[in-house]
């Protein structure tokens, strides 16, 4: 289908989720978690790793050809803090920017408080996303299949 998405049996056009883009986990001890995830994701499951900072916080990004798994420090202020250890957010991937925009519109039409789809160049030059939460406060995101992700997938077996 041109422009992404597909038509459901009830004839509504919907965004077509093509996978998980990334999962963010807030951890209580970054060094301890890095040792653990190195064993699990690098040594056992063949992921690769890089590091970056976002808003001054260190992040460790494990990734394979298909998705990323990021650990970041928890921001524990009190028992009600959104930064407690655990799932930080889950991001679904769609094929195109148009599908991110369509999903945001559809979520809002269904009464879900999703953000307008917009470009986030601080994440990547072609990073479009919409953000929303489930009834229990789990943060969710929908993003497009970005150039860096496509190149990673296509060139996974290439040296370097």
N, C-alpha and C. Protein backbone atom coordinates (compact mmCIF):
# COMPACT_ATOMS: atom_id res chain seq x y z
N UNK A 1 0.84 -1.17 0.00
CA UNK A 1 0.00 0.00 0.00
C UNK A 1 0.89 1.24 0.00
N UNK A 2 0.66 2.15 -0.90
CA UNK A 2 1.45 3.38 -0.98
C UNK A 2 1.16 4.22 0.25
N UNK A 3 2.22 4.81 0.84
CA UNK A 3 2.04 5.67 2.00
C UNK A 3 1.98 4.92 3.31
N UNK A 4 2.11 3.62 3.26
CA UNK A 4 2.14 2.83 4.48
C UNK A 4 0.76 2.54 5.00
N UNK A 5 0.72 1.72 6.01
CA UNK A 5 -0.52 1.33 6.63
C UNK A 5 -1.20 0.20 5.88
N UNK A 6 -2.29 -0.26 6.43
CA UNK A 6 -3.10 -1.27 5.75
C UNK A 6 -4.54 -1.06 6.15
N UNK A 7 -5.44 -1.73 5.45
CA UNK A 7 -6.86 -1.60 5.71
C UNK A 7 -7.31 -2.84 6.48
N UNK A 8 -7.97 -2.61 7.62
CA UNK A 8 -8.46 -3.72 8.43
C UNK A 8 -9.76 -4.25 7.84
N UNK A 9 -10.25 -5.36 8.40
CA UNK A 9 -11.49 -5.95 7.90
C UNK A 9 -12.66 -4.98 7.97
N UNK A 10 -12.66 -4.09 8.96
CA UNK A 10 -13.77 -3.13 9.04
C UNK A 10 -13.48 -1.87 8.22
N UNK A 11 -12.46 -1.95 7.37
CA UNK A 11 -12.13 -0.94 6.35
C UNK A 11 -11.52 0.35 6.91
N UNK A 12 -11.00 0.33 8.11
CA UNK A 12 -10.30 1.48 8.66
C UNK A 12 -8.82 1.36 8.30
N UNK A 13 -8.24 2.44 7.83
CA UNK A 13 -6.80 2.42 7.55
C UNK A 13 -6.06 2.60 8.86
N UNK A 14 -5.10 1.72 9.11
CA UNK A 14 -4.33 1.76 10.35
C UNK A 14 -2.85 1.67 10.04
N UNK A 15 -2.02 2.17 10.96
CA UNK A 15 -0.57 2.04 10.81
C UNK A 15 -0.19 0.58 10.98
N UNK A 16 0.80 0.15 10.23
CA UNK A 16 1.24 -1.24 10.24
C UNK A 16 2.52 -1.35 11.07
N UNK A 17 2.42 -1.87 12.29
CA UNK A 17 3.60 -2.04 13.14
C UNK A 17 4.46 -3.13 12.52
N UNK A 18 5.73 -2.80 12.26
CA UNK A 18 6.63 -3.78 11.64
C UNK A 18 7.63 -4.33 12.65
N UNK A 19 7.53 -3.90 13.89
CA UNK A 19 8.41 -4.45 14.91
C UNK A 19 8.55 -3.54 16.10
N UNK A 20 9.38 -3.99 17.02
CA UNK A 20 9.77 -3.17 18.17
C UNK A 20 11.00 -2.38 17.72
N UNK A 21 11.01 -1.09 17.93
CA UNK A 21 12.18 -0.29 17.58
C UNK A 21 13.19 -0.32 18.72
N UNK A 22 12.72 -0.02 19.93
CA UNK A 22 13.61 -0.06 21.07
C UNK A 22 12.82 -0.18 22.37
N UNK A 23 13.52 -0.65 23.39
CA UNK A 23 12.99 -0.76 24.74
C UNK A 23 13.99 -0.05 25.65
N UNK A 24 13.51 0.84 26.50
CA UNK A 24 14.35 1.53 27.47
C UNK A 24 14.06 0.98 28.85
N UNK A 25 15.12 0.64 29.57
CA UNK A 25 14.99 0.13 30.94
C UNK A 25 15.77 1.07 31.86
N UNK A 26 15.11 1.56 32.90
CA UNK A 26 15.79 2.36 33.93
C UNK A 26 16.33 1.40 34.98
N UNK A 27 17.60 1.55 35.32
CA UNK A 27 18.26 0.62 36.24
C UNK A 27 18.78 1.36 37.47
N UNK A 28 18.85 0.66 38.59
CA UNK A 28 19.28 1.30 39.84
C UNK A 28 20.79 1.42 39.94
N UNK A 29 21.54 0.57 39.25
CA UNK A 29 23.00 0.59 39.30
C UNK A 29 23.51 0.30 37.88
N UNK A 30 23.90 1.34 37.16
CA UNK A 30 24.26 1.20 35.75
C UNK A 30 25.43 0.25 35.55
N UNK A 31 26.46 0.34 36.37
CA UNK A 31 27.64 -0.53 36.22
C UNK A 31 27.26 -2.00 36.43
N UNK A 32 26.48 -2.27 37.45
CA UNK A 32 26.05 -3.64 37.73
C UNK A 32 25.19 -4.18 36.58
N UNK A 33 24.28 -3.35 36.11
CA UNK A 33 23.42 -3.78 35.01
C UNK A 33 24.20 -3.97 33.72
N UNK A 34 25.20 -3.13 33.49
CA UNK A 34 26.03 -3.30 32.30
C UNK A 34 26.75 -4.65 32.34
N UNK A 35 27.28 -5.02 33.48
CA UNK A 35 27.95 -6.33 33.59
C UNK A 35 26.96 -7.47 33.28
N UNK A 36 25.76 -7.36 33.80
CA UNK A 36 24.74 -8.37 33.57
C UNK A 36 24.36 -8.43 32.10
N UNK A 37 24.01 -7.28 31.52
CA UNK A 37 23.55 -7.27 30.13
C UNK A 37 24.67 -7.57 29.14
N UNK A 38 25.91 -7.28 29.48
CA UNK A 38 27.02 -7.70 28.63
C UNK A 38 27.01 -9.23 28.49
N UNK A 39 26.81 -9.92 29.62
CA UNK A 39 26.79 -11.38 29.59
C UNK A 39 25.60 -11.91 28.79
N UNK A 40 24.44 -11.31 29.01
CA UNK A 40 23.22 -11.79 28.36
C UNK A 40 23.18 -11.39 26.89
N UNK A 41 23.32 -10.10 26.64
CA UNK A 41 23.08 -9.60 25.28
C UNK A 41 24.31 -9.68 24.38
N UNK A 42 25.50 -9.36 24.90
CA UNK A 42 26.70 -9.43 24.06
C UNK A 42 27.20 -10.87 23.94
N UNK A 43 27.47 -11.48 25.07
CA UNK A 43 28.13 -12.79 25.08
C UNK A 43 27.21 -13.94 24.69
N UNK A 44 25.92 -13.84 25.01
CA UNK A 44 25.01 -14.95 24.77
C UNK A 44 24.17 -14.76 23.51
N UNK A 45 23.68 -13.54 23.27
CA UNK A 45 22.73 -13.32 22.17
C UNK A 45 23.31 -12.57 20.97
N UNK A 46 24.59 -12.19 21.02
CA UNK A 46 25.23 -11.59 19.85
C UNK A 46 24.86 -10.16 19.53
N UNK A 47 24.35 -9.42 20.52
CA UNK A 47 24.07 -8.00 20.31
C UNK A 47 25.40 -7.25 20.20
N UNK A 48 25.32 -6.01 19.78
CA UNK A 48 26.45 -5.09 19.80
C UNK A 48 26.11 -3.98 20.79
N UNK A 49 27.09 -3.09 21.06
CA UNK A 49 26.87 -2.09 22.09
C UNK A 49 27.51 -0.76 21.70
N UNK A 50 26.86 0.31 22.08
CA UNK A 50 27.49 1.63 22.05
C UNK A 50 26.97 2.42 23.25
N UNK A 51 27.56 3.57 23.47
CA UNK A 51 27.19 4.42 24.61
C UNK A 51 26.87 5.81 24.08
N UNK A 52 25.97 6.49 24.77
CA UNK A 52 25.67 7.87 24.44
C UNK A 52 25.10 8.56 25.67
N UNK A 53 25.04 9.87 25.62
CA UNK A 53 24.41 10.64 26.68
C UNK A 53 23.17 11.31 26.12
N UNK A 54 22.14 11.37 26.92
CA UNK A 54 20.91 12.05 26.56
C UNK A 54 20.47 12.84 27.78
N UNK A 55 20.34 14.14 27.62
CA UNK A 55 19.98 15.02 28.74
C UNK A 55 20.93 14.86 29.91
N UNK A 56 22.21 14.63 29.61
CA UNK A 56 23.23 14.51 30.63
C UNK A 56 23.32 13.15 31.30
N UNK A 57 22.43 12.23 30.95
CA UNK A 57 22.44 10.90 31.55
C UNK A 57 23.14 9.90 30.63
N UNK A 58 24.03 9.06 31.17
CA UNK A 58 24.67 8.04 30.35
C UNK A 58 23.66 6.95 29.98
N UNK A 59 23.75 6.48 28.75
CA UNK A 59 22.92 5.39 28.25
C UNK A 59 23.83 4.35 27.63
N UNK A 60 23.48 3.09 27.81
CA UNK A 60 24.19 2.00 27.15
C UNK A 60 23.19 1.34 26.21
N UNK A 61 23.53 1.37 24.93
CA UNK A 61 22.62 0.91 23.88
C UNK A 61 23.10 -0.43 23.34
N UNK A 62 22.37 -1.48 23.64
CA UNK A 62 22.62 -2.79 23.06
C UNK A 62 21.70 -2.90 21.85
N UNK A 63 22.18 -3.46 20.78
CA UNK A 63 21.34 -3.56 19.60
C UNK A 63 21.71 -4.78 18.77
N UNK A 64 20.70 -5.29 18.10
CA UNK A 64 20.94 -6.29 17.08
C UNK A 64 20.42 -5.71 15.78
N UNK A 65 20.30 -6.52 14.79
CA UNK A 65 19.88 -6.05 13.47
C UNK A 65 18.46 -5.45 13.52
N UNK A 66 17.63 -5.90 14.46
CA UNK A 66 16.21 -5.57 14.42
C UNK A 66 15.73 -4.53 15.44
N UNK A 67 16.36 -4.45 16.61
CA UNK A 67 15.86 -3.49 17.60
C UNK A 67 16.94 -3.19 18.64
N UNK A 68 16.69 -2.16 19.44
CA UNK A 68 17.62 -1.75 20.48
C UNK A 68 17.06 -1.99 21.87
N UNK A 69 17.97 -2.21 22.81
CA UNK A 69 17.64 -2.40 24.22
C UNK A 69 18.57 -1.46 24.98
N UNK A 70 18.03 -0.44 25.60
CA UNK A 70 18.83 0.62 26.20
C UNK A 70 18.66 0.60 27.71
N UNK A 71 19.79 0.66 28.43
CA UNK A 71 19.71 0.82 29.88
C UNK A 71 20.19 2.23 30.22
N UNK A 72 19.52 2.80 31.19
CA UNK A 72 19.82 4.16 31.64
C UNK A 72 19.62 4.23 33.14
N UNK A 73 20.26 5.19 33.80
CA UNK A 73 20.09 5.28 35.25
C UNK A 73 18.66 5.64 35.64
N UNK A 74 18.16 4.99 36.67
CA UNK A 74 16.87 5.35 37.23
C UNK A 74 17.01 6.71 37.92
N UNK A 75 15.97 7.46 37.93
CA UNK A 75 15.95 8.76 38.62
C UNK A 75 15.03 8.61 39.83
N UNK A 76 15.55 8.05 40.89
CA UNK A 76 14.73 7.74 42.06
C UNK A 76 14.68 8.95 42.97
N UNK A 77 13.50 9.56 43.03
CA UNK A 77 13.30 10.71 43.92
C UNK A 77 12.46 10.30 45.12
N UNK A 78 11.43 9.49 44.85
CA UNK A 78 10.56 8.97 45.89
C UNK A 78 9.81 7.76 45.33
N UNK A 79 8.98 7.14 46.11
CA UNK A 79 8.30 5.91 45.69
C UNK A 79 7.34 6.15 44.52
N UNK A 80 6.94 7.39 44.29
CA UNK A 80 6.01 7.70 43.20
C UNK A 80 6.73 8.15 41.93
N UNK A 81 8.04 8.19 41.95
CA UNK A 81 8.82 8.70 40.83
C UNK A 81 8.62 7.87 39.57
N UNK A 82 8.52 8.55 38.42
CA UNK A 82 8.41 7.86 37.14
C UNK A 82 9.75 7.25 36.74
N UNK A 83 10.80 7.61 37.42
CA UNK A 83 12.12 7.13 37.05
C UNK A 83 12.58 5.91 37.84
N UNK A 84 11.67 5.23 38.53
CA UNK A 84 12.04 4.04 39.29
C UNK A 84 12.61 2.99 38.35
N UNK A 85 13.42 2.06 38.88
CA UNK A 85 13.92 0.98 38.03
C UNK A 85 12.77 0.20 37.38
N UNK A 86 12.97 -0.20 36.16
CA UNK A 86 11.96 -0.96 35.43
C UNK A 86 11.83 -0.43 34.01
N UNK A 87 10.73 -0.76 33.39
CA UNK A 87 10.49 -0.33 32.02
C UNK A 87 10.39 1.19 31.97
N UNK A 88 11.21 1.82 31.17
CA UNK A 88 11.14 3.27 30.96
C UNK A 88 10.11 3.57 29.88
N UNK A 89 10.26 2.93 28.71
CA UNK A 89 9.23 3.01 27.67
C UNK A 89 9.47 1.94 26.61
N UNK A 90 8.42 1.66 25.84
CA UNK A 90 8.47 0.70 24.75
C UNK A 90 8.10 1.45 23.48
N UNK A 91 8.90 1.25 22.44
CA UNK A 91 8.68 1.97 21.19
C UNK A 91 8.39 0.99 20.05
N UNK A 92 7.24 1.16 19.41
CA UNK A 92 6.88 0.38 18.23
C UNK A 92 7.42 1.07 16.98
N UNK A 93 7.70 0.28 15.96
CA UNK A 93 8.21 0.82 14.69
C UNK A 93 7.18 0.62 13.58
N UNK A 94 6.96 1.68 12.82
CA UNK A 94 6.19 1.61 11.58
C UNK A 94 7.13 1.95 10.44
N UNK A 95 6.71 1.73 9.23
CA UNK A 95 7.57 1.91 8.07
C UNK A 95 7.88 3.38 7.77
N UNK A 96 6.87 4.24 7.80
CA UNK A 96 7.02 5.59 7.26
C UNK A 96 6.63 6.68 8.26
N UNK A 97 7.07 7.90 7.97
CA UNK A 97 6.65 9.07 8.74
C UNK A 97 5.14 9.25 8.62
N UNK A 98 4.61 9.03 7.43
CA UNK A 98 3.16 9.16 7.22
C UNK A 98 2.39 8.24 8.16
N UNK A 99 2.92 7.05 8.43
CA UNK A 99 2.25 6.14 9.35
C UNK A 99 2.33 6.61 10.79
N UNK A 100 3.44 7.25 11.17
CA UNK A 100 3.53 7.84 12.51
C UNK A 100 2.45 8.91 12.65
N UNK A 101 2.33 9.76 11.65
CA UNK A 101 1.32 10.82 11.67
C UNK A 101 -0.09 10.24 11.71
N UNK A 102 -0.33 9.21 10.90
CA UNK A 102 -1.64 8.56 10.86
C UNK A 102 -1.96 7.93 12.21
N UNK A 103 -1.00 7.26 12.81
CA UNK A 103 -1.23 6.63 14.10
C UNK A 103 -1.57 7.67 15.17
N UNK A 104 -0.84 8.77 15.18
CA UNK A 104 -1.10 9.83 16.16
C UNK A 104 -2.52 10.37 16.00
N UNK A 105 -2.92 10.62 14.76
CA UNK A 105 -4.29 11.11 14.50
C UNK A 105 -5.33 10.09 14.95
N UNK A 106 -5.10 8.83 14.62
CA UNK A 106 -6.06 7.78 14.96
C UNK A 106 -6.17 7.60 16.47
N UNK A 107 -5.04 7.61 17.17
CA UNK A 107 -5.07 7.49 18.63
C UNK A 107 -5.89 8.62 19.24
N UNK A 108 -5.64 9.86 18.78
CA UNK A 108 -6.39 11.00 19.31
C UNK A 108 -7.88 10.89 18.98
N UNK A 109 -8.19 10.40 17.77
CA UNK A 109 -9.60 10.22 17.38
C UNK A 109 -10.29 9.19 18.27
N UNK A 110 -9.52 8.25 18.80
CA UNK A 110 -10.05 7.22 19.68
C UNK A 110 -10.06 7.65 21.15
N UNK A 111 -9.69 8.91 21.41
CA UNK A 111 -9.72 9.42 22.77
C UNK A 111 -8.46 9.18 23.57
N UNK A 112 -7.37 8.78 22.89
CA UNK A 112 -6.09 8.55 23.57
C UNK A 112 -5.25 9.81 23.42
N UNK A 113 -4.68 10.28 24.49
CA UNK A 113 -3.93 11.52 24.51
C UNK A 113 -2.52 11.32 23.94
N UNK A 114 -2.44 11.16 22.63
CA UNK A 114 -1.15 10.99 21.94
C UNK A 114 -0.64 12.35 21.49
N UNK A 115 0.67 12.52 21.55
CA UNK A 115 1.27 13.77 21.08
C UNK A 115 1.15 13.87 19.56
N UNK A 116 1.22 15.09 19.06
CA UNK A 116 1.33 15.26 17.61
C UNK A 116 2.59 14.56 17.15
N UNK A 117 2.56 13.94 16.00
CA UNK A 117 3.77 13.36 15.42
C UNK A 117 4.70 14.51 15.07
N UNK A 118 5.96 14.38 15.45
CA UNK A 118 6.91 15.45 15.15
C UNK A 118 8.32 14.91 15.03
N UNK A 119 9.17 15.73 14.46
CA UNK A 119 10.57 15.39 14.25
C UNK A 119 11.36 15.70 15.52
N UNK A 120 12.22 14.75 15.93
CA UNK A 120 13.09 14.90 17.09
C UNK A 120 14.54 14.76 16.64
N UNK A 121 15.12 15.84 16.13
CA UNK A 121 16.48 15.77 15.59
C UNK A 121 17.51 15.50 16.67
N UNK A 122 17.18 15.75 17.94
CA UNK A 122 18.12 15.45 19.01
C UNK A 122 18.34 13.95 19.16
N UNK A 123 17.43 13.13 18.63
CA UNK A 123 17.58 11.68 18.64
C UNK A 123 18.23 11.17 17.36
N UNK A 124 17.78 11.68 16.23
CA UNK A 124 18.34 11.32 14.92
C UNK A 124 17.76 12.32 13.91
N UNK A 125 18.46 12.56 12.81
CA UNK A 125 17.99 13.57 11.85
C UNK A 125 16.65 13.24 11.21
N UNK A 126 16.24 11.99 11.24
CA UNK A 126 14.98 11.58 10.60
C UNK A 126 14.06 10.85 11.59
N UNK A 127 14.13 11.22 12.86
CA UNK A 127 13.38 10.55 13.93
C UNK A 127 12.04 11.25 14.14
N UNK A 128 10.97 10.62 13.69
CA UNK A 128 9.61 11.11 13.90
C UNK A 128 8.93 10.20 14.91
N UNK A 129 8.14 10.79 15.81
CA UNK A 129 7.50 9.96 16.83
C UNK A 129 6.25 10.62 17.37
N UNK A 130 5.41 9.78 17.95
CA UNK A 130 4.29 10.20 18.78
C UNK A 130 4.42 9.44 20.09
N UNK A 131 4.03 10.08 21.18
CA UNK A 131 4.16 9.50 22.52
C UNK A 131 2.79 9.49 23.20
N UNK A 132 2.55 8.44 24.01
CA UNK A 132 1.30 8.32 24.75
C UNK A 132 1.51 7.34 25.89
N UNK A 133 0.54 7.23 26.79
CA UNK A 133 0.67 6.31 27.92
C UNK A 133 -0.57 5.42 27.99
N UNK A 134 -0.37 4.23 28.56
CA UNK A 134 -1.51 3.34 28.75
C UNK A 134 -2.22 3.73 30.05
N UNK A 135 -3.34 3.09 30.37
CA UNK A 135 -4.09 3.48 31.58
C UNK A 135 -3.31 3.35 32.88
N UNK A 136 -2.25 2.52 32.89
CA UNK A 136 -1.45 2.36 34.10
C UNK A 136 -0.21 3.24 34.09
N UNK A 137 -0.08 4.10 33.09
CA UNK A 137 1.06 5.00 33.03
C UNK A 137 2.28 4.46 32.30
N UNK A 138 2.16 3.29 31.65
CA UNK A 138 3.29 2.77 30.87
C UNK A 138 3.46 3.67 29.64
N UNK A 139 4.67 4.19 29.47
CA UNK A 139 4.93 5.10 28.36
C UNK A 139 5.18 4.31 27.08
N UNK A 140 4.51 4.73 26.02
CA UNK A 140 4.60 4.08 24.72
C UNK A 140 4.96 5.11 23.66
N UNK A 141 5.52 4.62 22.58
CA UNK A 141 5.97 5.49 21.49
C UNK A 141 5.79 4.73 20.19
N UNK A 142 5.55 5.48 19.12
CA UNK A 142 5.56 4.93 17.76
C UNK A 142 6.52 5.79 16.96
N UNK A 143 7.48 5.16 16.28
CA UNK A 143 8.46 5.87 15.48
C UNK A 143 8.57 5.24 14.09
N UNK A 144 9.17 5.99 13.19
CA UNK A 144 9.38 5.51 11.82
C UNK A 144 10.64 4.66 11.71
N UNK A 145 10.73 3.92 10.64
CA UNK A 145 11.91 3.09 10.35
C UNK A 145 12.97 4.02 9.76
N UNK A 146 13.89 4.44 10.60
CA UNK A 146 14.87 5.45 10.23
C UNK A 146 16.02 4.89 9.40
N UNK A 147 16.72 5.79 8.72
CA UNK A 147 17.84 5.41 7.86
C UNK A 147 18.88 4.58 8.61
N UNK A 148 19.26 5.02 9.82
CA UNK A 148 20.29 4.30 10.59
C UNK A 148 19.84 2.87 10.88
N UNK A 149 18.56 2.67 11.20
CA UNK A 149 18.04 1.33 11.47
C UNK A 149 18.04 0.48 10.20
N UNK A 150 17.65 1.07 9.09
CA UNK A 150 17.65 0.34 7.81
C UNK A 150 19.07 -0.09 7.43
N UNK A 151 20.00 0.86 7.56
CA UNK A 151 21.39 0.55 7.20
C UNK A 151 21.96 -0.53 8.11
N UNK A 152 21.63 -0.47 9.39
CA UNK A 152 22.09 -1.50 10.32
C UNK A 152 21.58 -2.87 9.88
N UNK A 153 20.32 -2.94 9.56
CA UNK A 153 19.72 -4.20 9.14
C UNK A 153 20.37 -4.71 7.85
N UNK A 154 20.50 -3.84 6.86
CA UNK A 154 21.03 -4.24 5.56
C UNK A 154 22.50 -4.60 5.60
N UNK A 155 23.28 -3.97 6.49
CA UNK A 155 24.72 -4.15 6.52
C UNK A 155 25.23 -4.92 7.73
N UNK A 156 24.35 -5.65 8.40
CA UNK A 156 24.69 -6.32 9.64
C UNK A 156 25.91 -7.22 9.52
N UNK A 157 26.04 -7.92 8.42
CA UNK A 157 27.12 -8.87 8.23
C UNK A 157 28.42 -8.22 7.75
N UNK A 158 28.36 -6.93 7.39
CA UNK A 158 29.55 -6.24 6.91
C UNK A 158 30.54 -6.01 8.04
N UNK A 159 31.83 -6.12 7.78
CA UNK A 159 32.82 -5.84 8.83
C UNK A 159 32.73 -4.39 9.29
N UNK A 160 32.97 -4.18 10.59
CA UNK A 160 32.99 -2.83 11.15
C UNK A 160 31.63 -2.36 11.45
